[in-house]
Each structure stands twice: as structure tokens, then as C-alpha cells.
Amino acid sequence: MLNILWPIFILISYIYAFLSGNIDKINNGIFKSCEDAVNLTITFFGTITLWCRHNENC
């Protein structure tokens, strides 16, 4: 059910942003979120690597 709702929400938000002239804000938000996700992944990678180094089950 959620795999149907989320694309609908995203599509509605793009349409509304296009009609209200805020498409640049949505694009900037998407790129900022991607940048934050990459930084978080890089940060956690070191911790996970250290944890798996000391844990024999990884």
C-alpha cells in the first residue's frame, strides 16, 4: 500500500511546486538530502567497519 502512496505524494508535490513556481526549492531540497545521505553513509561506514573488525559474526 505504501509503495503506491509515496509516488502519489511525490507526484502531487511536484505538480503543486510547478504550479506555484517553487520547483527550484524542491530540486535544491532533493540535492541537499542526497548530500546529507552520502555524508551519513560515509560517517557510518567507519563505525560499521570498526564494529565488524572486532566482531567475528560479520
PDB file of N, CA and C in Angstrom:
ATOM      1  N   MET A   1       0.809  -1.195   0.000  1.00  0.00           N
ATOM      2  CA  MET A   1       0.000   0.000   0.000  1.00  0.00           C
ATOM      3  C   MET A   1       0.857   1.266   0.000  1.00  0.00           C
ATOM      4  N   LEU A   2       1.919   1.258   0.810  1.00  0.00           N
ATOM      5  CA  LEU A   2       2.778   2.434   0.854  1.00  0.00           C
ATOM      6  C   LEU A   2       3.555   2.630  -0.441  1.00  0.00           C
ATOM      7  N   ASN A   3       3.835   1.540  -1.150  1.00  0.00           N
ATOM      8  CA  ASN A   3       4.544   1.687  -2.422  1.00  0.00           C
ATOM      9  C   ASN A   3       3.672   2.356  -3.482  1.00  0.00           C
ATOM     10  N   ILE A   4       2.394   2.495  -3.205  1.00  0.00           N
ATOM     11  CA  ILE A   4       1.504   3.238  -4.104  1.00  0.00           C
ATOM     12  C   ILE A   4       1.340   4.679  -3.612  1.00  0.00           C
ATOM     13  N   LEU A   5       1.261   4.865  -2.286  1.00  0.00           N
ATOM     14  CA  LEU A   5       1.017   6.194  -1.734  1.00  0.00           C
ATOM     15  C   LEU A   5       2.194   7.153  -1.910  1.00  0.00           C
ATOM     16  N   TRP A   6       3.415   6.677  -1.663  1.00  0.00           N
ATOM     17  CA  TRP A   6       4.566   7.582  -1.735  1.00  0.00           C
ATOM     18  C   TRP A   6       4.772   8.170  -3.129  1.00  0.00           C
ATOM     19  N   PRO A   7       4.716   7.381  -4.198  1.00  0.00           N
ATOM     20  CA  PRO A   7       4.842   8.016  -5.521  1.00  0.00           C
ATOM     21  C   PRO A   7       3.722   9.013  -5.817  1.00  0.00           C
ATOM     22  N   ILE A   8       2.514   8.740  -5.300  1.00  0.00           N
ATOM     23  CA  ILE A   8       1.419   9.687  -5.494  1.00  0.00           C
ATOM     24  C   ILE A   8       1.717  10.994  -4.762  1.00  0.00           C
ATOM     25  N   PHE A   9       2.193  10.905  -3.517  1.00  0.00           N
ATOM     26  CA  PHE A   9       2.550  12.109  -2.763  1.00  0.00           C
ATOM     27  C   PHE A   9       3.650  12.900  -3.475  1.00  0.00           C
ATOM     28  N   ILE A  10       4.645  12.212  -3.974  1.00  0.00           N
ATOM     29  CA  ILE A  10       5.750  12.880  -4.666  1.00  0.00           C
ATOM     30  C   ILE A  10       5.258  13.552  -5.943  1.00  0.00           C
ATOM     31  N   LEU A  11       4.432  12.867  -6.687  1.00  0.00           N
ATOM     32  CA  LEU A  11       3.884  13.438  -7.917  1.00  0.00           C
ATOM     33  C   LEU A  11       3.026  14.663  -7.623  1.00  0.00           C
ATOM     34  N   ILE A  12       2.195  14.588  -6.610  1.00  0.00           N
ATOM     35  CA  ILE A  12       1.361  15.739  -6.238  1.00  0.00           C
ATOM     36  C   ILE A  12       2.222  16.916  -5.798  1.00  0.00           C
ATOM     37  N   SER A  13       3.284  16.653  -5.057  1.00  0.00           N
ATOM     38  CA  SER A  13       4.153  17.749  -4.612  1.00  0.00           C
ATOM     39  C   SER A  13       4.884  18.393  -5.778  1.00  0.00           C
ATOM     40  N   TYR A  14       5.299  17.594  -6.765  1.00  0.00           N
ATOM     41  CA  TYR A  14       5.941  18.170  -7.947  1.00  0.00           C
ATOM     42  C   TYR A  14       4.960  19.025  -8.740  1.00  0.00           C
ATOM     43  N   ILE A  15       3.757  18.547  -8.891  1.00  0.00           N
ATOM     44  CA  ILE A  15       2.746  19.315  -9.636  1.00  0.00           C
ATOM     45  C   ILE A  15       2.443  20.626  -8.918  1.00  0.00           C
ATOM     46  N   TYR A  16       2.253  20.569  -7.612  1.00  0.00           N
ATOM     47  CA  TYR A  16       1.970  21.775  -6.839  1.00  0.00           C
ATOM     48  C   TYR A  16       3.147  22.752  -6.897  1.00  0.00           C
ATOM     49  N   ALA A  17       4.380  22.237  -6.781  1.00  0.00           N
ATOM     50  CA  ALA A  17       5.554  23.109  -6.849  1.00  0.00           C
ATOM     51  C   ALA A  17       5.680  23.741  -8.230  1.00  0.00           C
ATOM     52  N   PHE A  18       5.366  22.986  -9.254  1.00  0.00           N
ATOM     53  CA  PHE A  18       5.430  23.536 -10.612  1.00  0.00           C
ATOM     54  C   PHE A  18       4.393  24.644 -10.805  1.00  0.00           C
ATOM     55  N   LEU A  19       3.199  24.418 -10.305  1.00  0.00           N
ATOM     56  CA  LEU A  19       2.137  25.408 -10.468  1.00  0.00           C
ATOM     57  C   LEU A  19       2.355  26.658  -9.619  1.00  0.00           C
ATOM     58  N   SER A  20       2.999  26.503  -8.467  1.00  0.00           N
ATOM     59  CA  SER A  20       3.240  27.649  -7.601  1.00  0.00           C
ATOM     60  C   SER A  20       4.590  28.315  -7.852  1.00  0.00           C
ATOM     61  N   GLY A  21       5.393  27.755  -8.755  1.00  0.00           N
ATOM     62  CA  GLY A  21       6.675  28.362  -9.099  1.00  0.00           C
ATOM     63  C   GLY A  21       7.796  28.046  -8.131  1.00  0.00           C
ATOM     64  N   ASN A  22       7.691  26.980  -7.386  1.00  0.00           N
ATOM     65  CA  ASN A  22       8.709  26.617  -6.390  1.00  0.00           C
ATOM     66  C   ASN A  22       9.497  25.371  -6.778  1.00  0.00           C
ATOM     67  N   ILE A  23       9.601  25.083  -8.043  1.00  0.00           N
ATOM     68  CA  ILE A  23      10.288  23.866  -8.478  1.00  0.00           C
ATOM     69  C   ILE A  23      11.779  23.913  -8.120  1.00  0.00           C
ATOM     70  N   ASP A  24      12.367  25.117  -8.088  1.00  0.00           N
ATOM     71  CA  ASP A  24      13.784  25.230  -7.719  1.00  0.00           C
ATOM     72  C   ASP A  24      14.013  24.829  -6.263  1.00  0.00           C
ATOM     73  N   LYS A  25      13.067  25.159  -5.401  1.00  0.00           N
ATOM     74  CA  LYS A  25      13.209  24.796  -3.986  1.00  0.00           C
ATOM     75  C   LYS A  25      13.142  23.286  -3.809  1.00  0.00           C
ATOM     76  N   ILE A  26      12.303  22.626  -4.573  1.00  0.00           N
ATOM     77  CA  ILE A  26      12.215  21.163  -4.486  1.00  0.00           C
ATOM     78  C   ILE A  26      13.504  20.533  -4.995  1.00  0.00           C
ATOM     79  N   ASN A  27      14.016  21.024  -6.106  1.00  0.00           N
ATOM     80  CA  ASN A  27      15.266  20.475  -6.637  1.00  0.00           C
ATOM     81  C   ASN A  27      16.419  20.690  -5.662  1.00  0.00           C
ATOM     82  N   ASN A  28      16.499  21.866  -5.062  1.00  0.00           N
ATOM     83  CA  ASN A  28      17.556  22.124  -4.077  1.00  0.00           C
ATOM     84  C   ASN A  28      17.397  21.221  -2.858  1.00  0.00           C
ATOM     85  N   GLY A  29      16.167  20.987  -2.435  1.00  0.00           N
ATOM     86  CA  GLY A  29      15.925  20.099  -1.301  1.00  0.00           C
ATOM     87  C   GLY A  29      16.332  18.663  -1.596  1.00  0.00           C
ATOM     88  N   ILE A  30      16.067  18.219  -2.822  1.00  0.00           N
ATOM     89  CA  ILE A  30      16.450  16.852  -3.206  1.00  0.00           C
ATOM     90  C   ILE A  30      17.963  16.693  -3.187  1.00  0.00           C
ATOM     91  N   PHE A  31      18.680  17.661  -3.755  1.00  0.00           N
ATOM     92  CA  PHE A  31      20.136  17.563  -3.791  1.00  0.00           C
ATOM     93  C   PHE A  31      20.748  17.697  -2.403  1.00  0.00           C
ATOM     94  N   LYS A  32      20.149  18.518  -1.542  1.00  0.00           N
ATOM     95  CA  LYS A  32      20.639  18.654  -0.173  1.00  0.00           C
ATOM     96  C   LYS A  32      20.423  17.344   0.597  1.00  0.00           C
ATOM     97  N   SER A  33      19.271  16.711   0.389  1.00  0.00           N
ATOM     98  CA  SER A  33      19.006  15.435   1.054  1.00  0.00           C
ATOM     99  C   SER A  33      19.954  14.350   0.576  1.00  0.00           C
ATOM    100  N   CYS A  34      20.266  14.336  -0.707  1.00  0.00           N
ATOM    101  CA  CYS A  34      21.230  13.361  -1.234  1.00  0.00           C
ATOM    102  C   CYS A  34      22.609  13.589  -0.633  1.00  0.00           C
ATOM    103  N   GLU A  35      22.997  14.849  -0.513  1.00  0.00           N
ATOM    104  CA  GLU A  35      24.297  15.159   0.084  1.00  0.00           C
ATOM    105  C   GLU A  35      24.341  14.703   1.542  1.00  0.00           C
ATOM    106  N   ASP A  36      23.274  14.943   2.289  1.00  0.00           N
ATOM    107  CA  ASP A  36      23.218  14.512   3.686  1.00  0.00           C
ATOM    108  C   ASP A  36      23.259  12.988   3.800  1.00  0.00           C
ATOM    109  N   ALA A  37      22.587  12.291   2.898  1.00  0.00           N
ATOM    110  CA  ALA A  37      22.581  10.828   2.924  1.00  0.00           C
ATOM    111  C   ALA A  37      23.975  10.269   2.655  1.00  0.00           C
ATOM    112  N   VAL A  38      24.682  10.853   1.713  1.00  0.00           N
ATOM    113  CA  VAL A  38      26.043  10.391   1.415  1.00  0.00           C
ATOM    114  C   VAL A  38      26.967  10.657   2.602  1.00  0.00           C
ATOM    115  N   ASN A  39      26.862  11.835   3.204  1.00  0.00           N
ATOM    116  CA  ASN A  39      27.696  12.142   4.373  1.00  0.00           C
ATOM    117  C   ASN A  39      27.399  11.198   5.533  1.00  0.00           C
ATOM    118  N   LEU A  40      26.143  10.891   5.754  1.00  0.00           N
ATOM    119  CA  LEU A  40      25.777   9.957   6.818  1.00  0.00           C
ATOM    120  C   LEU A  40      26.312   8.559   6.532  1.00  0.00           C
ATOM    121  N   THR A  41      26.229   8.131   5.272  1.00  0.00           N
ATOM    122  CA  THR A  41      26.744   6.812   4.894  1.00  0.00           C
ATOM    123  C   THR A  41      28.246   6.729   5.106  1.00  0.00           C
ATOM    124  N   ILE A  42      28.961   7.763   4.723  1.00  0.00           N
ATOM    125  CA  ILE A  42      30.415   7.772   4.906  1.00  0.00           C
ATOM    126  C   ILE A  42      30.762   7.764   6.391  1.00  0.00           C
ATOM    127  N   THR A  43      30.004   8.503   7.188  1.00  0.00           N
ATOM    128  CA  THR A  43      30.252   8.543   8.628  1.00  0.00           C
ATOM    129  C   THR A  43      30.017   7.177   9.270  1.00  0.00           C
ATOM    130  N   PHE A  44      28.922   6.541   8.914  1.00  0.00           N
ATOM    131  CA  PHE A  44      28.605   5.239   9.497  1.00  0.00           C
ATOM    132  C   PHE A  44      29.487   4.124   8.961  1.00  0.00           C
ATOM    133  N   PHE A  45      30.051   4.296   7.790  1.00  0.00           N
ATOM    134  CA  PHE A  45      30.891   3.255   7.212  1.00  0.00           C
ATOM    135  C   PHE A  45      32.094   2.951   8.101  1.00  0.00           C
ATOM    136  N   GLY A  46      32.706   3.980   8.638  1.00  0.00           N
ATOM    137  CA  GLY A  46      33.849   3.781   9.530  1.00  0.00           C
ATOM    138  C   GLY A  46      33.465   3.037  10.797  1.00  0.00           C
ATOM    139  N   THR A  47      32.323   3.387  11.370  1.00  0.00           N
ATOM    140  CA  THR A  47      31.860   2.725  12.585  1.00  0.00           C
ATOM    141  C   THR A  47      31.509   1.268  12.312  1.00  0.00           C
ATOM    142  N   ILE A  48      30.835   1.010  11.220  1.00  0.00           N
ATOM    143  CA  ILE A  48      30.456  -0.364  10.886  1.00  0.00           C
ATOM    144  C   ILE A  48      31.698  -1.200  10.595  1.00  0.00           C
ATOM    145  N   THR A  49      32.652  -0.613   9.913  1.00  0.00           N
ATOM    146  CA  THR A  49      33.898  -1.333   9.615  1.00  0.00           C
ATOM    147  C   THR A  49      34.640  -1.671  10.906  1.00  0.00           C
ATOM    148  N   LEU A  50      34.707  -0.716  11.817  1.00  0.00           N
ATOM    149  CA  LEU A  50      35.370  -0.961  13.103  1.00  0.00           C
ATOM    150  C   LEU A  50      34.617  -2.028  13.885  1.00  0.00           C
ATOM    151  N   TRP A  51      33.295  -1.974  13.887  1.00  0.00           N
ATOM    152  CA  TRP A  51      32.487  -2.954  14.616  1.00  0.00           C
ATOM    153  C   TRP A  51      32.684  -4.358  14.034  1.00  0.00           C
ATOM    154  N   CYS A  52      32.666  -4.466  12.713  1.00  0.00           N
ATOM    155  CA  CYS A  52      32.817  -5.777  12.082  1.00  0.00           C
ATOM    156  C   CYS A  52      34.233  -6.316  12.247  1.00  0.00           C
ATOM    157  N   ARG A  53      35.186  -5.448  12.399  1.00  0.00           N
ATOM    158  CA  ARG A  53      36.574  -5.866  12.609  1.00  0.00           C
ATOM    159  C   ARG A  53      36.702  -6.599  13.949  1.00  0.00           C
ATOM    160  N   HIS A  54      35.974  -6.131  14.957  1.00  0.00           N
ATOM    161  CA  HIS A  54      36.073  -6.715  16.288  1.00  0.00           C
ATOM    162  C   HIS A  54      35.014  -7.783  16.534  1.00  0.00           C
ATOM    163  N   ASN A  55      34.065  -7.906  15.653  1.00  0.00           N
ATOM    164  CA  ASN A  55      33.002  -8.884  15.823  1.00  0.00           C
ATOM    165  C   ASN A  55      33.197  -9.997  14.785  1.00  0.00           C
ATOM    166  N   GLU A  56      33.273 -11.203  15.226  1.00  0.00           N
ATOM    167  CA  GLU A  56      33.541 -12.331  14.315  1.00  0.00           C
ATOM    168  C   GLU A  56      32.332 -12.720  13.497  1.00  0.00           C
ATOM    169  N   ASN A  57      31.133 -12.264  13.840  1.00  0.00           N
ATOM    170  CA  ASN A  57      29.922 -12.675  13.131  1.00  0.00           C
ATOM    171  C   ASN A  57      29.666 -11.911  11.845  1.00  0.00           C
ATOM    172  N   CYS A  58      30.384 -10.822  11.590  1.00  0.00           N
ATOM    173  CA  CYS A  58      30.154 -10.057  10.367  1.00  0.00           C
ATOM    174  C   CYS A  58      30.789 -10.752   9.246  1.00  0.00           C
TER     175      CYS A  58
END
